[in-house]
Amino acid sequence: MSDKLTTLDWIALVFLIIGGVNWGLIGFFSYDIISAIFGVASVVTRIVFALVGISALYMVAVAFKIADMSTNQDVERRARPAM
């Protein structure tokens, strides 16, 4: 497994950041910037929200992959002889 983020990882991360900023704006100011840009309950707004949700689920899988890589590196470090 590569220890670098793929293009899909970056796209998911960008959508996750967009969603997080939007939820922050909703929480602090009751302002939904996605709906303000694309229209309330428009098709594009729903697509953006769906992509944010899919990105969040995808990033859960990425988090498990990162945790697994971290665990494997710890095992490899312990297996190396001390110099």
Protein backbone atom coordinates (compact mmCIF):
# COMPACT_ATOMS: atom_id res chain seq x y z
CA MET A 1 0.00 0.00 0.00
CA SER A 2 1.20 3.48 -0.82
CA ASP A 3 1.65 5.93 2.02
CA LYS A 4 0.58 8.86 -0.19
CA LEU A 5 -2.92 10.17 -0.80
CA THR A 6 -4.42 9.28 -4.16
CA THR A 7 -6.36 11.70 -6.34
CA LEU A 8 -9.60 10.17 -5.08
CA ASP A 9 -8.41 10.67 -1.48
CA TRP A 10 -7.79 14.36 -2.18
CA ILE A 11 -11.18 14.82 -3.88
CA ALA A 12 -12.93 13.19 -0.92
CA LEU A 13 -10.93 15.34 1.48
CA VAL A 14 -11.91 18.53 -0.37
CA PHE A 15 -15.61 17.58 -0.26
CA LEU A 16 -15.26 16.74 3.43
CA ILE A 17 -13.73 20.16 4.10
CA ILE A 18 -16.52 21.85 2.12
CA GLY A 19 -19.09 19.95 4.16
CA GLY A 20 -17.36 20.76 7.43
CA VAL A 21 -17.15 24.47 6.64
CA ASN A 22 -20.81 24.45 5.58
CA TRP A 23 -21.89 22.74 8.83
CA GLY A 24 -19.79 25.22 10.80
CA LEU A 25 -21.53 28.11 9.09
CA ILE A 26 -24.92 26.51 9.76
CA GLY A 27 -24.04 25.93 13.42
CA PHE A 28 -22.60 29.37 14.14
CA PHE A 29 -24.60 31.61 11.83
CA SER A 30 -27.58 29.57 10.56
CA TYR A 31 -26.21 30.15 7.06
CA ASP A 32 -26.13 27.31 4.52
CA ILE A 33 -23.60 28.49 1.93
CA ILE A 34 -24.20 25.51 -0.41
CA SER A 35 -27.92 26.26 -0.58
CA ALA A 36 -27.16 29.97 -0.95
CA ILE A 37 -24.91 29.28 -3.94
CA PHE A 38 -26.90 26.57 -5.71
CA GLY A 39 -30.45 27.15 -4.41
CA VAL A 40 -32.45 25.54 -1.63
CA ALA A 41 -33.22 21.89 -2.42
CA SER A 42 -31.94 22.24 -5.99
CA VAL A 43 -30.56 19.22 -7.81
CA VAL A 44 -27.01 20.60 -7.63
CA THR A 45 -27.33 21.24 -3.88
CA ARG A 46 -28.52 17.69 -3.31
CA ILE A 47 -25.65 16.34 -5.44
CA VAL A 48 -23.10 18.36 -3.42
CA PHE A 49 -24.61 17.11 -0.15
CA ALA A 50 -24.59 13.53 -1.46
CA LEU A 51 -20.94 13.85 -2.51
CA VAL A 52 -20.05 15.20 0.94
CA GLY A 53 -21.75 12.19 2.54
CA ILE A 54 -20.09 9.70 0.21
CA SER A 55 -16.74 11.41 0.83
CA ALA A 56 -17.20 11.04 4.58
CA LEU A 57 -17.85 7.31 4.21
CA TYR A 58 -14.88 6.96 1.89
CA MET A 59 -12.62 8.81 4.35
CA VAL A 60 -13.65 6.34 7.08
CA ALA A 61 -12.13 3.62 4.88
CA VAL A 62 -9.03 5.79 4.32
CA ALA A 63 -8.70 6.28 8.08
CA PHE A 64 -8.69 2.50 8.57
CA LYS A 65 -6.07 2.18 5.83
CA ILE A 66 -3.90 4.81 7.52
CA ALA A 67 -4.33 3.13 10.91
CA ASP A 68 -3.37 -0.22 9.37
CA MET A 69 -0.27 1.29 7.75
CA SER A 70 0.69 2.87 11.07
CA THR A 71 0.28 -0.47 12.87
CA ASN A 72 2.39 -2.24 10.23
CA GLN A 73 5.14 0.36 10.57
CA ASP A 74 5.16 -0.08 14.36
CA VAL A 75 5.52 -3.86 13.94
CA GLU A 76 8.36 -3.38 11.44
CA ARG A 77 10.16 -0.97 13.81
CA ARG A 78 9.97 -3.45 16.67
CA ALA A 79 11.19 -6.29 14.44
CA ARG A 80 14.37 -4.44 13.37
CA PRO A 81 17.49 -5.24 15.35
CA ALA A 82 18.92 -2.41 17.43
CA MET A 83 22.11 -0.86 16.09
